[in-house]
Amino acid sequence: MARPEITGRRMAPPDVMDDVDAFSVSEFCRRHGISVQAFYKHRDQMPGVFRAGSRVLVAREAAAAWRRAREQVQAAVRVAYEE
């Protein structure tokens, strides 16, 4: 993805982005540091999506639940590794 300073597109200020109820798949991926291809490849491990017209969106609550689940998995791996 090209940087905004190259494409001339403006990014929304961070405080505006934190106030949205749903993210596009590309925005979700950008915020979580994964590629869109990885999102669709590992769709069964990603948060649920919903459609609004032709757009595919990830709810903010689904993204938060997905992060908590990833943190719990990592904590379990860490505990198992220490034993």
PDB file of N, CA and C in Angstrom:
ATOM      1  N   MET A   1       0.850  -1.170   0.000  1.00  0.00           N
ATOM      2  CA  MET A   1       0.000   0.000   0.000  1.00  0.00           C
ATOM      3  C   MET A   1       0.893   1.230   0.000  1.00  0.00           C
ATOM      4  N   ALA A   2       0.573   2.163  -0.888  1.00  0.00           N
ATOM      5  CA  ALA A   2       1.369   3.376  -0.989  1.00  0.00           C
ATOM      6  C   ALA A   2       1.106   4.284   0.203  1.00  0.00           C
ATOM      7  N   ARG A   3       2.137   5.007   0.582  1.00  0.00           N
ATOM      8  CA  ARG A   3       2.005   5.924   1.715  1.00  0.00           C
ATOM      9  C   ARG A   3       1.141   7.120   1.325  1.00  0.00           C
ATOM     10  N   PRO A   4       0.414   7.701   2.300  1.00  0.00           N
ATOM     11  CA  PRO A   4      -0.463   8.843   2.000  1.00  0.00           C
ATOM     12  C   PRO A   4       0.276  10.034   1.411  1.00  0.00           C
ATOM     13  N   GLU A   5       1.523  10.252   1.826  1.00  0.00           N
ATOM     14  CA  GLU A   5       2.257  11.400   1.293  1.00  0.00           C
ATOM     15  C   GLU A   5       2.616  11.189  -0.174  1.00  0.00           C
ATOM     16  N   ILE A   6       2.635   9.945  -0.625  1.00  0.00           N
ATOM     17  CA  ILE A   6       2.913   9.653  -2.030  1.00  0.00           C
ATOM     18  C   ILE A   6       1.628   9.763  -2.857  1.00  0.00           C
ATOM     19  N   THR A   7       0.548   9.193  -2.363  1.00  0.00           N
ATOM     20  CA  THR A   7      -0.706   9.175  -3.118  1.00  0.00           C
ATOM     21  C   THR A   7      -1.478  10.480  -3.023  1.00  0.00           C
ATOM     22  N   GLY A   8      -1.176  11.295  -2.032  1.00  0.00           N
ATOM     23  CA  GLY A   8      -1.906  12.541  -1.842  1.00  0.00           C
ATOM     24  C   GLY A   8      -3.189  12.362  -1.049  1.00  0.00           C
ATOM     25  N   ARG A   9      -3.487  11.143  -0.631  1.00  0.00           N
ATOM     26  CA  ARG A   9      -4.687  10.895   0.163  1.00  0.00           C
ATOM     27  C   ARG A   9      -4.421  11.293   1.604  1.00  0.00           C
ATOM     28  N   ARG A  10      -5.422  11.822   2.234  1.00  0.00           N
ATOM     29  CA  ARG A  10      -5.287  12.209   3.638  1.00  0.00           C
ATOM     30  C   ARG A  10      -5.791  11.088   4.530  1.00  0.00           C
ATOM     31  N   MET A  11      -5.114  10.906   5.629  1.00  0.00           N
ATOM     32  CA  MET A  11      -5.542   9.931   6.627  1.00  0.00           C
ATOM     33  C   MET A  11      -6.377  10.672   7.667  1.00  0.00           C
ATOM     34  N   ALA A  12      -7.379   9.985   8.197  1.00  0.00           N
ATOM     35  CA  ALA A  12      -8.184  10.577   9.258  1.00  0.00           C
ATOM     36  C   ALA A  12      -7.341  10.675  10.526  1.00  0.00           C
ATOM     37  N   PRO A  13      -7.537  11.709  11.323  1.00  0.00           N
ATOM     38  CA  PRO A  13      -6.795  11.810  12.586  1.00  0.00           C
ATOM     39  C   PRO A  13      -7.078  10.594  13.467  1.00  0.00           C
ATOM     40  N   PRO A  14      -6.105  10.168  14.278  1.00  0.00           N
ATOM     41  CA  PRO A  14      -6.283   8.963  15.099  1.00  0.00           C
ATOM     42  C   PRO A  14      -7.496   9.007  16.009  1.00  0.00           C
ATOM     43  N   ASP A  15      -7.815  10.165  16.575  1.00  0.00           N
ATOM     44  CA  ASP A  15      -8.961  10.222  17.482  1.00  0.00           C
ATOM     45  C   ASP A  15     -10.277   9.994  16.745  1.00  0.00           C
ATOM     46  N   VAL A  16     -10.345  10.343  15.480  1.00  0.00           N
ATOM     47  CA  VAL A  16     -11.541  10.078  14.687  1.00  0.00           C
ATOM     48  C   VAL A  16     -11.653   8.588  14.408  1.00  0.00           C
ATOM     49  N   MET A  17     -10.553   7.936  14.102  1.00  0.00           N
ATOM     50  CA  MET A  17     -10.567   6.512  13.794  1.00  0.00           C
ATOM     51  C   MET A  17     -10.915   5.680  15.022  1.00  0.00           C
ATOM     52  N   ASP A  18     -10.617   6.146  16.208  1.00  0.00           N
ATOM     53  CA  ASP A  18     -10.944   5.399  17.416  1.00  0.00           C
ATOM     54  C   ASP A  18     -12.431   5.480  17.746  1.00  0.00           C
ATOM     55  N   ASP A  19     -13.147   6.366  17.092  1.00  0.00           N
ATOM     56  CA  ASP A  19     -14.553   6.581  17.397  1.00  0.00           C
ATOM     57  C   ASP A  19     -15.490   5.843  16.440  1.00  0.00           C
ATOM     58  N   VAL A  20     -14.952   5.103  15.474  1.00  0.00           N
ATOM     59  CA  VAL A  20     -15.804   4.415  14.505  1.00  0.00           C
ATOM     60  C   VAL A  20     -16.344   3.125  15.112  1.00  0.00           C
ATOM     61  N   ASP A  21     -17.496   2.694  14.601  1.00  0.00           N
ATOM     62  CA  ASP A  21     -18.121   1.465  15.094  1.00  0.00           C
ATOM     63  C   ASP A  21     -17.672   0.238  14.325  1.00  0.00           C
ATOM     64  N   ALA A  22     -17.144   0.426  13.119  1.00  0.00           N
ATOM     65  CA  ALA A  22     -16.698  -0.694  12.305  1.00  0.00           C
ATOM     66  C   ALA A  22     -15.546  -0.246  11.410  1.00  0.00           C
ATOM     67  N   PHE A  23     -14.683  -1.196  11.090  1.00  0.00           N
ATOM     68  CA  PHE A  23     -13.531  -0.939  10.231  1.00  0.00           C
ATOM     69  C   PHE A  23     -13.690  -1.712   8.938  1.00  0.00           C
ATOM     70  N   SER A  24     -13.167  -1.171   7.861  1.00  0.00           N
ATOM     71  CA  SER A  24     -13.068  -1.970   6.647  1.00  0.00           C
ATOM     72  C   SER A  24     -12.005  -3.040   6.907  1.00  0.00           C
ATOM     73  N   VAL A  25     -11.994  -4.070   6.090  1.00  0.00           N
ATOM     74  CA  VAL A  25     -11.004  -5.131   6.273  1.00  0.00           C
ATOM     75  C   VAL A  25      -9.602  -4.554   6.134  1.00  0.00           C
ATOM     76  N   SER A  26      -9.389  -3.684   5.156  1.00  0.00           N
ATOM     77  CA  SER A  26      -8.055  -3.111   4.973  1.00  0.00           C
ATOM     78  C   SER A  26      -7.650  -2.235   6.158  1.00  0.00           C
ATOM     79  N   GLU A  27      -8.590  -1.489   6.733  1.00  0.00           N
ATOM     80  CA  GLU A  27      -8.273  -0.662   7.908  1.00  0.00           C
ATOM     81  C   GLU A  27      -7.966  -1.543   9.113  1.00  0.00           C
ATOM     82  N   PHE A  28      -8.760  -2.603   9.311  1.00  0.00           N
ATOM     83  CA  PHE A  28      -8.489  -3.541  10.394  1.00  0.00           C
ATOM     84  C   PHE A  28      -7.085  -4.123  10.248  1.00  0.00           C
ATOM     85  N   CYS A  29      -6.748  -4.539   9.047  1.00  0.00           N
ATOM     86  CA  CYS A  29      -5.427  -5.132   8.805  1.00  0.00           C
ATOM     87  C   CYS A  29      -4.309  -4.130   9.046  1.00  0.00           C
ATOM     88  N   ARG A  30      -4.494  -2.899   8.584  1.00  0.00           N
ATOM     89  CA  ARG A  30      -3.476  -1.866   8.791  1.00  0.00           C
ATOM     90  C   ARG A  30      -3.260  -1.612  10.273  1.00  0.00           C
ATOM     91  N   ARG A  31      -4.353  -1.527  11.038  1.00  0.00           N
ATOM     92  CA  ARG A  31      -4.255  -1.246  12.470  1.00  0.00           C
ATOM     93  C   ARG A  31      -3.615  -2.387  13.248  1.00  0.00           C
ATOM     94  N   HIS A  32      -3.724  -3.619  12.730  1.00  0.00           N
ATOM     95  CA  HIS A  32      -3.201  -4.779  13.444  1.00  0.00           C
ATOM     96  C   HIS A  32      -1.925  -5.346  12.830  1.00  0.00           C
ATOM     97  N   GLY A  33      -1.426  -4.701  11.797  1.00  0.00           N
ATOM     98  CA  GLY A  33      -0.140  -5.083  11.219  1.00  0.00           C
ATOM     99  C   GLY A  33      -0.160  -6.404  10.465  1.00  0.00           C
ATOM    100  N   ILE A  34      -1.268  -6.729   9.831  1.00  0.00           N
ATOM    101  CA  ILE A  34      -1.328  -7.937   9.016  1.00  0.00           C
ATOM    102  C   ILE A  34      -1.763  -7.544   7.608  1.00  0.00           C
ATOM    103  N   SER A  35      -1.498  -8.410   6.653  1.00  0.00           N
ATOM    104  CA  SER A  35      -1.894  -8.108   5.282  1.00  0.00           C
ATOM    105  C   SER A  35      -3.334  -8.546   5.043  1.00  0.00           C
ATOM    106  N   VAL A  36      -3.940  -7.942   4.056  1.00  0.00           N
ATOM    107  CA  VAL A  36      -5.306  -8.311   3.689  1.00  0.00           C
ATOM    108  C   VAL A  36      -5.329  -9.762   3.202  1.00  0.00           C
ATOM    109  N   GLN A  37      -4.275 -10.170   2.493  1.00  0.00           N
ATOM    110  CA  GLN A  37      -4.191 -11.542   2.016  1.00  0.00           C
ATOM    111  C   GLN A  37      -4.158 -12.514   3.189  1.00  0.00           C
ATOM    112  N   ALA A  38      -3.411 -12.177   4.235  1.00  0.00           N
ATOM    113  CA  ALA A  38      -3.348 -13.043   5.421  1.00  0.00           C
ATOM    114  C   ALA A  38      -4.704 -13.085   6.118  1.00  0.00           C
ATOM    115  N   PHE A  39      -5.422 -11.961   6.133  1.00  0.00           N
ATOM    116  CA  PHE A  39      -6.756 -11.919   6.737  1.00  0.00           C
ATOM    117  C   PHE A  39      -7.662 -12.941   6.071  1.00  0.00           C
ATOM    118  N   TYR A  40      -7.697 -12.930   4.747  1.00  0.00           N
ATOM    119  CA  TYR A  40      -8.584 -13.848   4.041  1.00  0.00           C
ATOM    120  C   TYR A  40      -8.061 -15.282   4.041  1.00  0.00           C
ATOM    121  N   LYS A  41      -6.757 -15.452   4.061  1.00  0.00           N
ATOM    122  CA  LYS A  41      -6.179 -16.805   4.109  1.00  0.00           C
ATOM    123  C   LYS A  41      -6.522 -17.490   5.431  1.00  0.00           C
ATOM    124  N   HIS A  42      -6.475 -16.723   6.533  1.00  0.00           N
ATOM    125  CA  HIS A  42      -6.746 -17.259   7.871  1.00  0.00           C
ATOM    126  C   HIS A  42      -8.111 -16.779   8.359  1.00  0.00           C
ATOM    127  N   ARG A  43      -9.080 -16.729   7.463  1.00  0.00           N
ATOM    128  CA  ARG A  43     -10.409 -16.203   7.757  1.00  0.00           C
ATOM    129  C   ARG A  43     -11.058 -16.859   8.969  1.00  0.00           C
ATOM    130  N   ASP A  44     -10.814 -18.172   9.159  1.00  0.00           N
ATOM    131  CA  ASP A  44     -11.426 -18.871  10.292  1.00  0.00           C
ATOM    132  C   ASP A  44     -10.864 -18.409  11.629  1.00  0.00           C
ATOM    133  N   GLN A  45      -9.689 -17.787  11.650  1.00  0.00           N
ATOM    134  CA  GLN A  45      -9.075 -17.305  12.886  1.00  0.00           C
ATOM    135  C   GLN A  45      -9.268 -15.807  13.089  1.00  0.00           C
ATOM    136  N   MET A  46      -9.863 -15.132  12.125  1.00  0.00           N
ATOM    137  CA  MET A  46     -10.052 -13.687  12.181  1.00  0.00           C
ATOM    138  C   MET A  46     -11.418 -13.353  12.767  1.00  0.00           C
ATOM    139  N   PRO A  47     -11.610 -12.099  13.166  1.00  0.00           N
ATOM    140  CA  PRO A  47     -12.924 -11.722  13.704  1.00  0.00           C
ATOM    141  C   PRO A  47     -13.986 -11.816  12.624  1.00  0.00           C
ATOM    142  N   GLY A  48     -15.217 -11.957  13.057  1.00  0.00           N
ATOM    143  CA  GLY A  48     -16.327 -12.029  12.125  1.00  0.00           C
ATOM    144  C   GLY A  48     -16.523 -10.721  11.388  1.00  0.00           C
ATOM    145  N   VAL A  49     -17.045 -10.812  10.197  1.00  0.00           N
ATOM    146  CA  VAL A  49     -17.298  -9.637   9.380  1.00  0.00           C
ATOM    147  C   VAL A  49     -18.797  -9.557   9.084  1.00  0.00           C
ATOM    148  N   PHE A  50     -19.229  -8.394   8.665  1.00  0.00           N
ATOM    149  CA  PHE A  50     -20.608  -8.231   8.210  1.00  0.00           C
ATOM    150  C   PHE A  50     -20.598  -7.336   6.986  1.00  0.00           C
ATOM    151  N   ARG A  51     -21.668  -7.403   6.236  1.00  0.00           N
ATOM    152  CA  ARG A  51     -21.781  -6.605   5.015  1.00  0.00           C
ATOM    153  C   ARG A  51     -22.724  -5.433   5.233  1.00  0.00           C
ATOM    154  N   ALA A  52     -22.316  -4.305   4.710  1.00  0.00           N
ATOM    155  CA  ALA A  52     -23.164  -3.109   4.658  1.00  0.00           C
ATOM    156  C   ALA A  52     -23.195  -2.710   3.192  1.00  0.00           C
ATOM    157  N   GLY A  53     -24.211  -3.158   2.490  1.00  0.00           N
ATOM    158  CA  GLY A  53     -24.233  -2.965   1.043  1.00  0.00           C
ATOM    159  C   GLY A  53     -23.176  -3.863   0.428  1.00  0.00           C
ATOM    160  N   SER A  54     -22.262  -3.281  -0.303  1.00  0.00           N
ATOM    161  CA  SER A  54     -21.179  -4.074  -0.905  1.00  0.00           C
ATOM    162  C   SER A  54     -19.910  -4.057  -0.057  1.00  0.00           C
ATOM    163  N   ARG A  55     -19.904  -3.289   1.034  1.00  0.00           N
ATOM    164  CA  ARG A  55     -18.714  -3.198   1.886  1.00  0.00           C
ATOM    165  C   ARG A  55     -18.668  -4.349   2.878  1.00  0.00           C
ATOM    166  N   VAL A  56     -17.461  -4.840   3.144  1.00  0.00           N
ATOM    167  CA  VAL A  56     -17.238  -5.866   4.155  1.00  0.00           C
ATOM    168  C   VAL A  56     -16.574  -5.165   5.338  1.00  0.00           C
ATOM    169  N   LEU A  57     -17.211  -5.246   6.513  1.00  0.00           N
ATOM    170  CA  LEU A  57     -16.737  -4.512   7.683  1.00  0.00           C
ATOM    171  C   LEU A  57     -16.489  -5.439   8.864  1.00  0.00           C
ATOM    172  N   VAL A  58     -15.602  -5.008   9.753  1.00  0.00           N
ATOM    173  CA  VAL A  58     -15.316  -5.695  11.010  1.00  0.00           C
ATOM    174  C   VAL A  58     -15.792  -4.786  12.134  1.00  0.00           C
ATOM    175  N   ALA A  59     -16.688  -5.277  12.973  1.00  0.00           N
ATOM    176  CA  ALA A  59     -17.197  -4.476  14.084  1.00  0.00           C
ATOM    177  C   ALA A  59     -16.083  -4.222  15.100  1.00  0.00           C
ATOM    178  N   ARG A  60     -16.131  -3.066  15.722  1.00  0.00           N
ATOM    179  CA  ARG A  60     -15.123  -2.716  16.727  1.00  0.00           C
ATOM    180  C   ARG A  60     -15.114  -3.737  17.864  1.00  0.00           C
ATOM    181  N   GLU A  61     -16.298  -4.194  18.279  1.00  0.00           N
ATOM    182  CA  GLU A  61     -16.392  -5.186  19.353  1.00  0.00           C
ATOM    183  C   GLU A  61     -15.786  -6.514  18.931  1.00  0.00           C
ATOM    184  N   ALA A  62     -15.987  -6.912  17.673  1.00  0.00           N
ATOM    185  CA  ALA A  62     -15.414  -8.163  17.169  1.00  0.00           C
ATOM    186  C   ALA A  62     -13.889  -8.068  17.136  1.00  0.00           C
ATOM    187  N   ALA A  63     -13.368  -6.909  16.754  1.00  0.00           N
ATOM    188  CA  ALA A  63     -11.919  -6.717  16.730  1.00  0.00           C
ATOM    189  C   ALA A  63     -11.346  -6.785  18.143  1.00  0.00           C
ATOM    190  N   ALA A  64     -12.033  -6.186  19.112  1.00  0.00           N
ATOM    191  CA  ALA A  64     -11.564  -6.221  20.502  1.00  0.00           C
ATOM    192  C   ALA A  64     -11.595  -7.648  21.050  1.00  0.00           C
ATOM    193  N   ALA A  65     -12.666  -8.386  20.742  1.00  0.00           N
ATOM    194  CA  ALA A  65     -12.755  -9.776  21.198  1.00  0.00           C
ATOM    195  C   ALA A  65     -11.663 -10.621  20.560  1.00  0.00           C
ATOM    196  N   TRP A  66     -11.362 -10.374  19.293  1.00  0.00           N
ATOM    197  CA  TRP A  66     -10.298 -11.102  18.598  1.00  0.00           C
ATOM    198  C   TRP A  66      -8.945 -10.829  19.244  1.00  0.00           C
ATOM    199  N   ARG A  67      -8.676  -9.564  19.606  1.00  0.00           N
ATOM    200  CA  ARG A  67      -7.414  -9.230  20.282  1.00  0.00           C
ATOM    201  C   ARG A  67      -7.310  -9.924  21.633  1.00  0.00           C
ATOM    202  N   ARG A  68      -8.406  -9.932  22.411  1.00  0.00           N
ATOM    203  CA  ARG A  68      -8.387 -10.610  23.710  1.00  0.00           C
ATOM    204  C   ARG A  68      -8.117 -12.102  23.540  1.00  0.00           C
ATOM    205  N   ALA A  69      -8.723 -12.716  22.547  1.00  0.00           N
ATOM    206  CA  ALA A  69      -8.503 -14.147  22.300  1.00  0.00           C
ATOM    207  C   ALA A  69      -7.053 -14.407  21.920  1.00  0.00           C
ATOM    208  N   ARG A  70      -6.470 -13.556  21.093  1.00  0.00           N
ATOM    209  CA  ARG A  70      -5.059 -13.715  20.703  1.00  0.00           C
ATOM    210  C   ARG A  70      -4.164 -13.562  21.935  1.00  0.00           C
ATOM    211  N   GLU A  71      -4.486 -12.622  22.823  1.00  0.00           N
ATOM    212  CA  GLU A  71      -3.698 -12.429  24.045  1.00  0.00           C
ATOM    213  C   GLU A  71      -3.789 -13.648  24.947  1.00  0.00           C
ATOM    214  N   GLN A  72      -4.972 -14.248  25.059  1.00  0.00           N
ATOM    215  CA  GLN A  72      -5.137 -15.438  25.901  1.00  0.00           C
ATOM    216  C   GLN A  72      -4.359 -16.617  25.334  1.00  0.00           C
ATOM    217  N   VAL A  73      -4.369 -16.779  24.025  1.00  0.00           N
ATOM    218  CA  VAL A  73      -3.601 -17.856  23.399  1.00  0.00           C
ATOM    219  C   VAL A  73      -2.118 -17.654  23.674  1.00  0.00           C
ATOM    220  N   GLN A  74      -1.652 -16.425  23.510  1.00  0.00           N
ATOM    221  CA  GLN A  74      -0.236 -16.145  23.748  1.00  0.00           C
ATOM    222  C   GLN A  74       0.141 -16.381  25.206  1.00  0.00           C
ATOM    223  N   ALA A  75      -0.733 -16.001  26.133  1.00  0.00           N
ATOM    224  CA  ALA A  75      -0.462 -16.227  27.554  1.00  0.00           C
ATOM    225  C   ALA A  75      -0.400 -17.715  27.858  1.00  0.00           C
ATOM    226  N   ALA A  76      -1.287 -18.511  27.249  1.00  0.00           N
ATOM    227  CA  ALA A  76      -1.275 -19.961  27.470  1.00  0.00           C
ATOM    228  C   ALA A  76      -0.003 -20.580  26.914  1.00  0.00           C
ATOM    229  N   VAL A  77       0.449 -20.112  25.772  1.00  0.00           N
ATOM    230  CA  VAL A  77       1.693 -20.620  25.186  1.00  0.00           C
ATOM    231  C   VAL A  77       2.871 -20.267  26.083  1.00  0.00           C
ATOM    232  N   ARG A  78       2.861 -19.054  26.597  1.00  0.00           N
ATOM    233  CA  ARG A  78       3.951 -18.609  27.472  1.00  0.00           C
ATOM    234  C   ARG A  78       4.015 -19.471  28.745  1.00  0.00           C
ATOM    235  N   VAL A  79       2.852 -19.751  29.352  1.00  0.00           N
ATOM    236  CA  VAL A  79       2.804 -20.581  30.565  1.00  0.00           C
ATOM    237  C   VAL A  79       3.271 -21.992  30.256  1.00  0.00           C
ATOM    238  N   ALA A  80       2.819 -22.548  29.137  1.00  0.00           N
ATOM    239  CA  ALA A  80       3.221 -23.911  28.761  1.00  0.00           C
ATOM    240  C   ALA A  80       4.731 -23.970  28.507  1.00  0.00           C
ATOM    241  N   TYR A  81       5.287 -22.930  27.939  1.00  0.00           N
ATOM    242  CA  TYR A  81       6.713 -22.886  27.650  1.00  0.00           C
ATOM    243  C   TYR A  81       7.534 -22.828  28.938  1.00  0.00           C
ATOM    244  N   GLU A  82       7.032 -22.130  29.954  1.00  0.00           N
ATOM    245  CA  GLU A  82       7.752 -21.960  31.204  1.00  0.00           C
ATOM    246  C   GLU A  82       7.749 -23.217  32.050  1.00  0.00           C
ATOM    247  N   GLU A  83       6.764 -24.092  31.841  1.00  0.00           N
ATOM    248  CA  GLU A  83       6.666 -25.294  32.666  1.00  0.00           C
ATOM    249  C   GLU A  83       7.653 -26.347  32.257  1.00  0.00           C
TER     250      GLU A  83
END
